[in-house]
PDB file of all heavy atoms in Angstrom:
ATOM      1  N   VAL A   1     -10.511   0.327 -26.867  1.00  0.00           N
ATOM      2  CA  VAL A   1      -9.579   1.295 -26.274  1.00  0.00           C
ATOM      3  C   VAL A   1     -10.303   2.342 -25.440  1.00  0.00           C
ATOM      4  O   VAL A   1      -9.899   2.650 -24.311  1.00  0.00           O
ATOM      5  CB  VAL A   1      -8.731   1.960 -27.375  1.00  0.00           C
ATOM      6  CG1 VAL A   1      -7.937   3.131 -26.808  1.00  0.00           C
ATOM      7  CG2 VAL A   1      -7.791   0.944 -28.008  1.00  0.00           C
ATOM      8  N   ASP A   2     -11.368   2.915 -25.972  1.00  0.00           N
ATOM      9  CA  ASP A   2     -12.053   3.987 -25.250  1.00  0.00           C
ATOM     10  C   ASP A   2     -12.550   3.511 -23.890  1.00  0.00           C
ATOM     11  O   ASP A   2     -12.421   4.219 -22.883  1.00  0.00           O
ATOM     12  CB  ASP A   2     -13.229   4.502 -26.083  1.00  0.00           C
ATOM     13  CG  ASP A   2     -12.748   5.260 -27.318  1.00  0.00           C
ATOM     14  OD1 ASP A   2     -11.599   5.729 -27.287  1.00  0.00           O
ATOM     15  OD2 ASP A   2     -13.525   5.351 -28.291  1.00  0.00           O
ATOM     16  N   ARG A   3     -13.130   2.319 -23.841  1.00  0.00           N
ATOM     17  CA  ARG A   3     -13.627   1.807 -22.564  1.00  0.00           C
ATOM     18  C   ARG A   3     -12.460   1.445 -21.638  1.00  0.00           C
ATOM     19  O   ARG A   3     -12.541   1.608 -20.421  1.00  0.00           O
ATOM     20  CB  ARG A   3     -14.514   0.583 -22.793  1.00  0.00           C
ATOM     21  CG  ARG A   3     -15.198   0.076 -21.535  1.00  0.00           C
ATOM     22  CD  ARG A   3     -16.254  -0.944 -21.851  1.00  0.00           C
ATOM     23  NE  ARG A   3     -15.706  -2.060 -22.618  1.00  0.00           N
ATOM     24  CZ  ARG A   3     -16.433  -3.103 -23.028  1.00  0.00           C
ATOM     25  NH1 ARG A   3     -17.720  -3.150 -22.771  1.00  0.00           N
ATOM     26  NH2 ARG A   3     -15.881  -4.063 -23.722  1.00  0.00           N
ATOM     27  N   ALA A   4     -11.340   0.965 -22.198  1.00  0.00           N
ATOM     28  CA  ALA A   4     -10.191   0.560 -21.370  1.00  0.00           C
ATOM     29  C   ALA A   4      -9.564   1.753 -20.673  1.00  0.00           C
ATOM     30  O   ALA A   4      -9.092   1.643 -19.532  1.00  0.00           O
ATOM     31  CB  ALA A   4      -9.155  -0.154 -22.228  1.00  0.00           C
ATOM     32  N   LEU A   5      -9.543   2.914 -21.330  1.00  0.00           N
ATOM     33  CA  LEU A   5      -8.883   4.089 -20.769  1.00  0.00           C
ATOM     34  C   LEU A   5      -9.660   4.730 -19.622  1.00  0.00           C
ATOM     35  O   LEU A   5      -9.172   5.665 -18.993  1.00  0.00           O
ATOM     36  CB  LEU A   5      -8.647   5.128 -21.868  1.00  0.00           C
ATOM     37  CG  LEU A   5      -7.654   4.731 -22.959  1.00  0.00           C
ATOM     38  CD1 LEU A   5      -7.583   5.794 -24.028  1.00  0.00           C
ATOM     39  CD2 LEU A   5      -6.276   4.465 -22.369  1.00  0.00           C
ATOM     40  N   GLN A   6     -10.863   4.235 -19.339  1.00  0.00           N
ATOM     41  CA  GLN A   6     -11.656   4.806 -18.263  1.00  0.00           C
ATOM     42  C   GLN A   6     -11.256   4.285 -16.885  1.00  0.00           C
ATOM     43  O   GLN A   6     -11.667   4.814 -15.867  1.00  0.00           O
ATOM     44  CB  GLN A   6     -13.149   4.518 -18.492  1.00  0.00           C
ATOM     45  CG  GLN A   6     -13.694   5.143 -19.759  1.00  0.00           C
ATOM     46  CD  GLN A   6     -15.139   4.761 -20.034  1.00  0.00           C
ATOM     47  OE1 GLN A   6     -15.754   4.038 -19.244  1.00  0.00           O
ATOM     48  NE2 GLN A   6     -15.671   5.236 -21.158  1.00  0.00           N
ATOM     49  N   GLY A   7     -10.443   3.222 -16.855  1.00  0.00           N
ATOM     50  CA  GLY A   7     -10.056   2.615 -15.584  1.00  0.00           C
ATOM     51  C   GLY A   7      -9.049   3.459 -14.811  1.00  0.00           C
ATOM     52  O   GLY A   7      -8.130   4.036 -15.387  1.00  0.00           O
ATOM     53  N   THR A   8      -9.236   3.526 -13.501  1.00  0.00           N
ATOM     54  CA  THR A   8      -8.308   4.238 -12.618  1.00  0.00           C
ATOM     55  C   THR A   8      -7.785   3.260 -11.577  1.00  0.00           C
ATOM     56  O   THR A   8      -8.574   2.664 -10.836  1.00  0.00           O
ATOM     57  CB  THR A   8      -9.006   5.413 -11.911  1.00  0.00           C
ATOM     58  OG1 THR A   8      -9.549   6.294 -12.890  1.00  0.00           O
ATOM     59  CG2 THR A   8      -8.024   6.159 -11.038  1.00  0.00           C
ATOM     60  N   PRO A   9      -6.466   3.059 -11.475  1.00  0.00           N
ATOM     61  CA  PRO A   9      -5.939   2.066 -10.533  1.00  0.00           C
ATOM     62  C   PRO A   9      -6.122   2.490  -9.084  1.00  0.00           C
ATOM     63  O   PRO A   9      -6.171   3.678  -8.769  1.00  0.00           O
ATOM     64  CB  PRO A   9      -4.452   1.982 -10.899  1.00  0.00           C
ATOM     65  CG  PRO A   9      -4.152   3.297 -11.546  1.00  0.00           C
ATOM     66  CD  PRO A   9      -5.408   3.708 -12.266  1.00  0.00           C
ATOM     67  N   LEU A  10      -6.215   1.496  -8.210  1.00  0.00           N
ATOM     68  CA  LEU A  10      -6.311   1.722  -6.778  1.00  0.00           C
ATOM     69  C   LEU A  10      -4.997   1.272  -6.153  1.00  0.00           C
ATOM     70  O   LEU A  10      -4.730   0.071  -6.052  1.00  0.00           O
ATOM     71  CB  LEU A  10      -7.484   0.931  -6.188  1.00  0.00           C
ATOM     72  CG  LEU A  10      -8.873   1.288  -6.750  1.00  0.00           C
ATOM     73  CD1 LEU A  10      -9.931   0.365  -6.165  1.00  0.00           C
ATOM     74  CD2 LEU A  10      -9.214   2.741  -6.462  1.00  0.00           C
ATOM     75  N   PRO A  11      -4.120   2.202  -5.733  1.00  0.00           N
ATOM     76  CA  PRO A  11      -2.797   1.824  -5.203  1.00  0.00           C
ATOM     77  C   PRO A  11      -2.908   0.946  -3.956  1.00  0.00           C
ATOM     78  O   PRO A  11      -3.876   1.011  -3.201  1.00  0.00           O
ATOM     79  CB  PRO A  11      -2.139   3.168  -4.896  1.00  0.00           C
ATOM     80  CG  PRO A  11      -2.877   4.157  -5.723  1.00  0.00           C
ATOM     81  CD  PRO A  11      -4.288   3.657  -5.806  1.00  0.00           C
ATOM     82  N   LEU A  12      -1.875   0.158  -3.746  1.00  0.00           N
ATOM     83  CA  LEU A  12      -1.814  -0.724  -2.579  1.00  0.00           C
ATOM     84  C   LEU A  12      -1.352   0.045  -1.345  1.00  0.00           C
ATOM     85  O   LEU A  12      -0.646   1.060  -1.466  1.00  0.00           O
ATOM     86  CB  LEU A  12      -0.866  -1.886  -2.856  1.00  0.00           C
ATOM     87  CG  LEU A  12      -1.317  -2.886  -3.927  1.00  0.00           C
ATOM     88  CD1 LEU A  12      -0.185  -3.824  -4.259  1.00  0.00           C
ATOM     89  CD2 LEU A  12      -2.535  -3.662  -3.475  1.00  0.00           C
ATOM     90  N   PRO A  13      -1.706  -0.413  -0.137  1.00  0.00           N
ATOM     91  CA  PRO A  13      -1.230   0.249   1.092  1.00  0.00           C
ATOM     92  C   PRO A  13       0.277   0.106   1.252  1.00  0.00           C
ATOM     93  O   PRO A  13       0.901  -0.799   0.680  1.00  0.00           O
ATOM     94  CB  PRO A  13      -2.001  -0.464   2.202  1.00  0.00           C
ATOM     95  CG  PRO A  13      -2.443  -1.757   1.602  1.00  0.00           C
ATOM     96  CD  PRO A  13      -2.659  -1.500   0.149  1.00  0.00           C
ATOM     97  N   ALA A  14       0.858   0.957   2.069  1.00  0.00           N
ATOM     98  CA  ALA A  14       2.320   1.012   2.215  1.00  0.00           C
ATOM     99  C   ALA A  14       2.896  -0.275   2.806  1.00  0.00           C
ATOM    100  O   ALA A  14       4.043  -0.632   2.500  1.00  0.00           O
ATOM    101  CB  ALA A  14       2.705   2.209   3.067  1.00  0.00           C
ATOM    102  N   TRP A  15       2.140  -0.975   3.655  1.00  0.00           N
ATOM    103  CA  TRP A  15       2.688  -2.159   4.317  1.00  0.00           C
ATOM    104  C   TRP A  15       2.972  -3.293   3.353  1.00  0.00           C
ATOM    105  O   TRP A  15       3.692  -4.242   3.693  1.00  0.00           O
ATOM    106  CB  TRP A  15       1.751  -2.641   5.421  1.00  0.00           C
ATOM    107  CG  TRP A  15       0.415  -3.166   4.932  1.00  0.00           C
ATOM    108  CD1 TRP A  15      -0.745  -2.469   4.840  1.00  0.00           C
ATOM    109  CD2 TRP A  15       0.126  -4.495   4.478  1.00  0.00           C
ATOM    110  NE1 TRP A  15      -1.749  -3.258   4.345  1.00  0.00           N
ATOM    111  CE2 TRP A  15      -1.247  -4.514   4.127  1.00  0.00           C
ATOM    112  CE3 TRP A  15       0.882  -5.657   4.339  1.00  0.00           C
ATOM    113  CZ2 TRP A  15      -1.870  -5.648   3.633  1.00  0.00           C
ATOM    114  CZ3 TRP A  15       0.270  -6.796   3.834  1.00  0.00           C
ATOM    115  CH2 TRP A  15      -1.089  -6.801   3.496  1.00  0.00           C
ATOM    116  N   THR A  16       2.436  -3.228   2.128  1.00  0.00           N
ATOM    117  CA  THR A  16       2.636  -4.316   1.162  1.00  0.00           C
ATOM    118  C   THR A  16       3.970  -4.229   0.430  1.00  0.00           C
ATOM    119  O   THR A  16       4.327  -5.151  -0.300  1.00  0.00           O
ATOM    120  CB  THR A  16       1.502  -4.316   0.126  1.00  0.00           C
ATOM    121  OG1 THR A  16       1.502  -3.055  -0.586  1.00  0.00           O
ATOM    122  CG2 THR A  16       0.149  -4.498   0.792  1.00  0.00           C
ATOM    123  N   VAL A  17       4.709  -3.127   0.622  1.00  0.00           N
ATOM    124  CA  VAL A  17       5.923  -2.928  -0.170  1.00  0.00           C
ATOM    125  C   VAL A  17       6.956  -4.021   0.094  1.00  0.00           C
ATOM    126  O   VAL A  17       7.495  -4.635  -0.836  1.00  0.00           O
ATOM    127  CB  VAL A  17       6.518  -1.530   0.110  1.00  0.00           C
ATOM    128  CG1 VAL A  17       7.894  -1.405  -0.540  1.00  0.00           C
ATOM    129  CG2 VAL A  17       5.582  -0.452  -0.411  1.00  0.00           C
ATOM    130  N   LEU A  18       7.259  -4.278   1.369  1.00  0.00           N
ATOM    131  CA  LEU A  18       8.311  -5.263   1.688  1.00  0.00           C
ATOM    132  C   LEU A  18       7.953  -6.667   1.214  1.00  0.00           C
ATOM    133  O   LEU A  18       8.811  -7.351   0.621  1.00  0.00           O
ATOM    134  CB  LEU A  18       8.603  -5.247   3.188  1.00  0.00           C
ATOM    135  CG  LEU A  18       9.392  -4.031   3.697  1.00  0.00           C
ATOM    136  CD1 LEU A  18       9.595  -4.120   5.202  1.00  0.00           C
ATOM    137  CD2 LEU A  18      10.734  -3.923   2.990  1.00  0.00           C
ATOM    138  N   PRO A  19       6.733  -7.181   1.446  1.00  0.00           N
ATOM    139  CA  PRO A  19       6.405  -8.509   0.903  1.00  0.00           C
ATOM    140  C   PRO A  19       6.516  -8.565  -0.620  1.00  0.00           C
ATOM    141  O   PRO A  19       6.972  -9.573  -1.177  1.00  0.00           O
ATOM    142  CB  PRO A  19       4.971  -8.734   1.373  1.00  0.00           C
ATOM    143  CG  PRO A  19       4.806  -7.885   2.574  1.00  0.00           C
ATOM    144  CD  PRO A  19       5.653  -6.677   2.317  1.00  0.00           C
ATOM    145  N   ILE A  20       6.117  -7.488  -1.293  1.00  0.00           N
ATOM    146  CA  ILE A  20       6.191  -7.486  -2.758  1.00  0.00           C
ATOM    147  C   ILE A  20       7.650  -7.441  -3.218  1.00  0.00           C
ATOM    148  O   ILE A  20       8.027  -8.108  -4.194  1.00  0.00           O
ATOM    149  CB  ILE A  20       5.390  -6.301  -3.316  1.00  0.00           C
ATOM    150  CG1 ILE A  20       3.889  -6.540  -3.092  1.00  0.00           C
ATOM    151  CG2 ILE A  20       5.671  -6.106  -4.799  1.00  0.00           C
ATOM    152  CD1 ILE A  20       3.013  -5.382  -3.474  1.00  0.00           C
ATOM    153  N   LEU A  21       8.487  -6.678  -2.517  1.00  0.00           N
ATOM    154  CA  LEU A  21       9.909  -6.671  -2.862  1.00  0.00           C
ATOM    155  C   LEU A  21      10.549  -8.044  -2.642  1.00  0.00           C
ATOM    156  O   LEU A  21      11.414  -8.472  -3.412  1.00  0.00           O
ATOM    157  CB  LEU A  21      10.644  -5.608  -2.050  1.00  0.00           C
ATOM    158  CG  LEU A  21      10.412  -4.150  -2.435  1.00  0.00           C
ATOM    159  CD1 LEU A  21      11.114  -3.220  -1.469  1.00  0.00           C
ATOM    160  CD2 LEU A  21      10.883  -3.885  -3.861  1.00  0.00           C
ATOM    161  N   LEU A  22      10.141  -8.743  -1.593  1.00  0.00           N
ATOM    162  CA  LEU A  22      10.650 -10.096  -1.360  1.00  0.00           C
ATOM    163  C   LEU A  22      10.224 -11.031  -2.483  1.00  0.00           C
ATOM    164  O   LEU A  22      11.005 -11.864  -2.956  1.00  0.00           O
ATOM    165  CB  LEU A  22      10.158 -10.613  -0.009  1.00  0.00           C
ATOM    166  CG  LEU A  22      10.586 -12.037   0.361  1.00  0.00           C
ATOM    167  CD1 LEU A  22      12.110 -12.153   0.403  1.00  0.00           C
ATOM    168  CD2 LEU A  22       9.986 -12.452   1.704  1.00  0.00           C
ATOM    169  N   LEU A  23       8.961 -10.891  -2.935  1.00  0.00           N
ATOM    170  CA  LEU A  23       8.481 -11.681  -4.065  1.00  0.00           C
ATOM    171  C   LEU A  23       9.303 -11.403  -5.303  1.00  0.00           C
ATOM    172  O   LEU A  23       9.710 -12.321  -6.037  1.00  0.00           O
ATOM    173  CB  LEU A  23       7.003 -11.372  -4.310  1.00  0.00           C
ATOM    174  CG  LEU A  23       6.354 -12.033  -5.532  1.00  0.00           C
ATOM    175  CD1 LEU A  23       6.255 -13.533  -5.335  1.00  0.00           C
ATOM    176  CD2 LEU A  23       4.968 -11.447  -5.783  1.00  0.00           C
ATOM    177  N   ALA A  24       9.581 -10.119  -5.546  1.00  0.00           N
ATOM    178  CA  ALA A  24      10.389  -9.756  -6.710  1.00  0.00           C
ATOM    179  C   ALA A  24      11.800 -10.331  -6.605  1.00  0.00           C
ATOM    180  O   ALA A  24      12.345 -10.844  -7.584  1.00  0.00           O
ATOM    181  CB  ALA A  24      10.436  -8.236  -6.850  1.00  0.00           C
ATOM    182  N   ALA A  25      12.402 -10.250  -5.411  1.00  0.00           N
ATOM    183  CA  ALA A  25      13.769 -10.765  -5.235  1.00  0.00           C
ATOM    184  C   ALA A  25      13.825 -12.270  -5.506  1.00  0.00           C
ATOM    185  O   ALA A  25      14.758 -12.760  -6.148  1.00  0.00           O
ATOM    186  CB  ALA A  25      14.257 -10.447  -3.826  1.00  0.00           C
ATOM    187  N   ALA A  26      12.825 -13.010  -5.012  1.00  0.00           N
ATOM    188  CA  ALA A  26      12.796 -14.455  -5.242  1.00  0.00           C
ATOM    189  C   ALA A  26      12.664 -14.758  -6.725  1.00  0.00           C
ATOM    190  O   ALA A  26      13.304 -15.696  -7.245  1.00  0.00           O
ATOM    191  CB  ALA A  26      11.638 -15.076  -4.460  1.00  0.00           C
ATOM    192  N   ALA A  27      11.840 -13.985  -7.430  1.00  0.00           N
ATOM    193  CA  ALA A  27      11.700 -14.200  -8.872  1.00  0.00           C
ATOM    194  C   ALA A  27      12.991 -13.874  -9.611  1.00  0.00           C
ATOM    195  O   ALA A  27      13.389 -14.579 -10.546  1.00  0.00           O
ATOM    196  CB  ALA A  27      10.538 -13.359  -9.403  1.00  0.00           C
ATOM    197  N   PHE A  28      13.683 -12.804  -9.192  1.00  0.00           N
ATOM    198  CA  PHE A  28      14.927 -12.418  -9.858  1.00  0.00           C
ATOM    199  C   PHE A  28      16.012 -13.480  -9.660  1.00  0.00           C
ATOM    200  O   PHE A  28      16.866 -13.646 -10.537  1.00  0.00           O
ATOM    201  CB  PHE A  28      15.411 -11.079  -9.320  1.00  0.00           C
ATOM    202  CG  PHE A  28      14.520  -9.913  -9.678  1.00  0.00           C
ATOM    203  CD1 PHE A  28      14.460  -8.784  -8.862  1.00  0.00           C
ATOM    204  CD2 PHE A  28      13.743  -9.944 -10.823  1.00  0.00           C
ATOM    205  CE1 PHE A  28      13.640  -7.719  -9.195  1.00  0.00           C
ATOM    206  CE2 PHE A  28      12.915  -8.877 -11.161  1.00  0.00           C
ATOM    207  CZ  PHE A  28      12.867  -7.772 -10.342  1.00  0.00           C
ATOM    208  N   VAL A  29      16.011 -14.167  -8.532  1.00  0.00           N
ATOM    209  CA  VAL A  29      16.986 -15.242  -8.319  1.00  0.00           C
ATOM    210  C   VAL A  29      16.873 -16.281  -9.433  1.00  0.00           C
ATOM    211  O   VAL A  29      17.886 -16.776  -9.958  1.00  0.00           O
ATOM    212  CB  VAL A  29      16.787 -15.897  -6.942  1.00  0.00           C
ATOM    213  CG1 VAL A  29      17.578 -17.196  -6.830  1.00  0.00           C
ATOM    214  CG2 VAL A  29      17.206 -14.939  -5.829  1.00  0.00           C
ATOM    215  N   VAL A  30      15.655 -16.611  -9.823  1.00  0.00           N
ATOM    216  CA  VAL A  30      15.435 -17.624 -10.852  1.00  0.00           C
ATOM    217  C   VAL A  30      15.643 -17.037 -12.248  1.00  0.00           C
ATOM    218  O   VAL A  30      16.308 -17.639 -13.096  1.00  0.00           O
ATOM    219  CB  VAL A  30      14.025 -18.223 -10.725  1.00  0.00           C
ATOM    220  CG1 VAL A  30      13.768 -19.248 -11.832  1.00  0.00           C
ATOM    221  CG2 VAL A  30      13.851 -18.878  -9.364  1.00  0.00           C
ATOM    222  N   ILE A  31      15.081 -15.852 -12.497  1.00  0.00           N
ATOM    223  CA  ILE A  31      15.169 -15.249 -13.832  1.00  0.00           C
ATOM    224  C   ILE A  31      16.625 -15.004 -14.231  1.00  0.00           C
ATOM    225  O   ILE A  31      17.030 -15.283 -15.365  1.00  0.00           O
ATOM    226  CB  ILE A  31      14.363 -13.947 -13.880  1.00  0.00           C
ATOM    227  CG1 ILE A  31      12.872 -14.233 -13.731  1.00  0.00           C
ATOM    228  CG2 ILE A  31      14.629 -13.195 -15.184  1.00  0.00           C
ATOM    229  CD1 ILE A  31      12.025 -12.983 -13.597  1.00  0.00           C
ATOM    230  N   PHE A  32      17.428 -14.509 -13.278  1.00  0.00           N
ATOM    231  CA  PHE A  32      18.821 -14.197 -13.560  1.00  0.00           C
ATOM    232  C   PHE A  32      19.759 -15.339 -13.184  1.00  0.00           C
ATOM    233  O   PHE A  32      20.980 -15.160 -13.192  1.00  0.00           O
ATOM    234  CB  PHE A  32      19.234 -12.919 -12.837  1.00  0.00           C
ATOM    235  CG  PHE A  32      18.430 -11.714 -13.254  1.00  0.00           C
ATOM    236  CD1 PHE A  32      17.862 -10.876 -12.319  1.00  0.00           C
ATOM    237  CD2 PHE A  32      18.230 -11.439 -14.601  1.00  0.00           C
ATOM    238  CE1 PHE A  32      17.113  -9.774 -12.697  1.00  0.00           C
ATOM    239  CE2 PHE A  32      17.473 -10.342 -14.997  1.00  0.00           C
ATOM    240  CZ  PHE A  32      16.923  -9.502 -14.043  1.00  0.00           C
ATOM    241  N   ARG A  33      19.194 -16.485 -12.791  1.00  0.00           N
ATOM    242  CA  ARG A  33      19.967 -17.705 -12.530  1.00  0.00           C
ATOM    243  C   ARG A  33      21.049 -17.489 -11.466  1.00  0.00           C
ATOM    244  O   ARG A  33      22.226 -17.795 -11.678  1.00  0.00           O
ATOM    245  CB  ARG A  33      20.577 -18.228 -13.835  1.00  0.00           C
ATOM    246  CG  ARG A  33      19.533 -18.679 -14.846  1.00  0.00           C
ATOM    247  CD  ARG A  33      20.174 -19.005 -16.185  1.00  0.00           C
ATOM    248  NE  ARG A  33      19.220 -19.596 -17.092  1.00  0.00           N
ATOM    249  CZ  ARG A  33      18.351 -18.908 -17.843  1.00  0.00           C
ATOM    250  NH1 ARG A  33      18.350 -17.586 -17.758  1.00  0.00           N
ATOM    251  NH2 ARG A  33      17.522 -19.514 -18.641  1.00  0.00           N
ATOM    252  N   ALA A  34      20.631 -16.952 -10.352  1.00  0.00           N
ATOM    253  CA  ALA A  34      21.551 -16.744  -9.232  1.00  0.00           C
ATOM    254  C   ALA A  34      21.516 -17.957  -8.303  1.00  0.00           C
ATOM    255  O   ALA A  34      20.672 -18.854  -8.441  1.00  0.00           O
ATOM    256  CB  ALA A  34      21.179 -15.477  -8.471  1.00  0.00           C
ATOM    257  N   ARG A  35      22.423 -17.971  -7.334  1.00  0.00           N
ATOM    258  CA  ARG A  35      22.431 -19.042  -6.339  1.00  0.00           C
ATOM    259  C   ARG A  35      21.342 -18.789  -5.296  1.00  0.00           C
ATOM    260  O   ARG A  35      21.069 -17.638  -4.945  1.00  0.00           O
ATOM    261  CB  ARG A  35      23.796 -19.089  -5.654  1.00  0.00           C
ATOM    262  CG  ARG A  35      24.944 -19.470  -6.577  1.00  0.00           C
ATOM    263  CD  ARG A  35      26.269 -19.151  -5.936  1.00  0.00           C
ATOM    264  NE  ARG A  35      27.397 -19.591  -6.744  1.00  0.00           N
ATOM    265  CZ  ARG A  35      28.648 -19.207  -6.555  1.00  0.00           C
ATOM    266  NH1 ARG A  35      28.930 -18.354  -5.578  1.00  0.00           N
ATOM    267  NH2 ARG A  35      29.621 -19.652  -7.327  1.00  0.00           N
ATOM    268  N   PRO A  36      20.714 -19.833  -4.772  1.00  0.00           N
ATOM    269  CA  PRO A  36      19.635 -19.623  -3.780  1.00  0.00           C
ATOM    270  C   PRO A  36      20.101 -18.856  -2.549  1.00  0.00           C
ATOM    271  O   PRO A  36      19.341 -18.060  -1.990  1.00  0.00           O
ATOM    272  CB  PRO A  36      19.194 -21.051  -3.432  1.00  0.00           C
ATOM    273  CG  PRO A  36      19.597 -21.884  -4.598  1.00  0.00           C
ATOM    274  CD  PRO A  36      20.846 -21.250  -5.140  1.00  0.00           C
ATOM    275  N   ARG A  37      21.359 -19.081  -2.114  1.00  0.00           N
ATOM    276  CA  ARG A  37      21.825 -18.417  -0.902  1.00  0.00           C
ATOM    277  C   ARG A  37      22.024 -16.921  -1.086  1.00  0.00           C
ATOM    278  O   ARG A  37      22.267 -16.208  -0.099  1.00  0.00           O
ATOM    279  CB  ARG A  37      23.130 -19.066  -0.424  1.00  0.00           C
ATOM    280  CG  ARG A  37      24.325 -18.861  -1.326  1.00  0.00           C
ATOM    281  CD  ARG A  37      25.586 -19.412  -0.668  1.00  0.00           C
ATOM    282  NE  ARG A  37      26.783 -19.215  -1.430  1.00  0.00           N
ATOM    283  CZ  ARG A  37      27.303 -20.099  -2.269  1.00  0.00           C
ATOM    284  NH1 ARG A  37      26.683 -21.271  -2.442  1.00  0.00           N
ATOM    285  NH2 ARG A  37      28.413 -19.855  -2.927  1.00  0.00           N
ATOM    286  N   GLU A  38      21.909 -16.428  -2.312  1.00  0.00           N
ATOM    287  CA  GLU A  38      22.059 -15.001  -2.557  1.00  0.00           C
ATOM    288  C   GLU A  38      20.742 -14.251  -2.471  1.00  0.00           C
ATOM    289  O   GLU A  38      20.709 -13.030  -2.669  1.00  0.00           O
ATOM    290  CB  GLU A  38      22.708 -14.783  -3.934  1.00  0.00           C
ATOM    291  CG  GLU A  38      24.197 -15.162  -3.925  1.00  0.00           C
ATOM    292  CD  GLU A  38      24.767 -15.353  -5.320  1.00  0.00           C
ATOM    293  OE1 GLU A  38      23.973 -15.367  -6.294  1.00  0.00           O
ATOM    294  OE2 GLU A  38      25.998 -15.492  -5.436  1.00  0.00           O
ATOM    295  N   LEU A  39      19.639 -14.951  -2.150  1.00  0.00           N
ATOM    296  CA  LEU A  39      18.350 -14.287  -2.033  1.00  0.00           C
ATOM    297  C   LEU A  39      18.353 -13.161  -1.000  1.00  0.00           C
ATOM    298  O   LEU A  39      17.842 -12.069  -1.290  1.00  0.00           O
ATOM    299  CB  LEU A  39      17.260 -15.313  -1.692  1.00  0.00           C
ATOM    300  CG  LEU A  39      15.867 -14.750  -1.397  1.00  0.00           C
ATOM    301  CD1 LEU A  39      15.333 -13.956  -2.577  1.00  0.00           C
ATOM    302  CD2 LEU A  39      14.904 -15.880  -1.021  1.00  0.00           C
ATOM    303  N   PRO A  40      18.905 -13.340   0.226  1.00  0.00           N
ATOM    304  CA  PRO A  40      18.912 -12.204   1.172  1.00  0.00           C
ATOM    305  C   PRO A  40      19.648 -10.977   0.648  1.00  0.00           C
ATOM    306  O   PRO A  40      19.203  -9.842   0.876  1.00  0.00           O
ATOM    307  CB  PRO A  40      19.601 -12.786   2.415  1.00  0.00           C
ATOM    308  CG  PRO A  40      19.415 -14.261   2.314  1.00  0.00           C
ATOM    309  CD  PRO A  40      19.462 -14.562   0.843  1.00  0.00           C
ATOM    310  N   TRP A  41      20.763 -11.202  -0.060  1.00  0.00           N
ATOM    311  CA  TRP A  41      21.512 -10.070  -0.606  1.00  0.00           C
ATOM    312  C   TRP A  41      20.699  -9.361  -1.689  1.00  0.00           C
ATOM    313  O   TRP A  41      20.685  -8.127  -1.757  1.00  0.00           O
ATOM    314  CB  TRP A  41      22.846 -10.553  -1.178  1.00  0.00           C
ATOM    315  CG  TRP A  41      23.780 -11.128  -0.179  1.00  0.00           C
ATOM    316  CD1 TRP A  41      24.034 -12.462   0.037  1.00  0.00           C
ATOM    317  CD2 TRP A  41      24.602 -10.421   0.753  1.00  0.00           C
ATOM    318  NE1 TRP A  41      24.963 -12.619   1.042  1.00  0.00           N
ATOM    319  CE2 TRP A  41      25.332 -11.382   1.496  1.00  0.00           C
ATOM    320  CE3 TRP A  41      24.809  -9.067   1.031  1.00  0.00           C
ATOM    321  CZ2 TRP A  41      26.229 -11.028   2.502  1.00  0.00           C
ATOM    322  CZ3 TRP A  41      25.699  -8.714   2.023  1.00  0.00           C
ATOM    323  CH2 TRP A  41      26.401  -9.693   2.740  1.00  0.00           C
ATOM    324  N   ILE A  42      20.042 -10.134  -2.547  1.00  0.00           N
ATOM    325  CA  ILE A  42      19.240  -9.538  -3.625  1.00  0.00           C
ATOM    326  C   ILE A  42      18.045  -8.790  -3.043  1.00  0.00           C
ATOM    327  O   ILE A  42      17.669  -7.709  -3.513  1.00  0.00           O
ATOM    328  CB  ILE A  42      18.807 -10.636  -4.617  1.00  0.00           C
ATOM    329  CG1 ILE A  42      20.038 -11.162  -5.371  1.00  0.00           C
ATOM    330  CG2 ILE A  42      17.762 -10.127  -5.587  1.00  0.00           C
ATOM    331  CD1 ILE A  42      19.762 -12.310  -6.303  1.00  0.00           C
ATOM    332  N   PHE A  43      17.438  -9.362  -2.002  1.00  0.00           N
ATOM    333  CA  PHE A  43      16.323  -8.690  -1.328  1.00  0.00           C
ATOM    334  C   PHE A  43      16.788  -7.356  -0.745  1.00  0.00           C
ATOM    335  O   PHE A  43      16.110  -6.325  -0.868  1.00  0.00           O
ATOM    336  CB  PHE A  43      15.761  -9.602  -0.250  1.00  0.00           C
ATOM    337  CG  PHE A  43      14.620  -9.017   0.539  1.00  0.00           C
ATOM    338  CD1 PHE A  43      13.588  -8.339  -0.081  1.00  0.00           C
ATOM    339  CD2 PHE A  43      14.584  -9.155   1.922  1.00  0.00           C
ATOM    340  CE1 PHE A  43      12.538  -7.802   0.645  1.00  0.00           C
ATOM    341  CE2 PHE A  43      13.536  -8.620   2.662  1.00  0.00           C
ATOM    342  CZ  PHE A  43      12.517  -7.938   2.022  1.00  0.00           C
TER     343      PHE A  43
END
């Protein structure tokens, strides 16, 4: 624990937000069992 708590995260640049949100939306389509054509709406 003591050694683990020494880590400091390095945030991602702002341009990565939209690709990551698209990745999340695609995963949510499967996790929540939605229709594939609803991906743009979920995104």
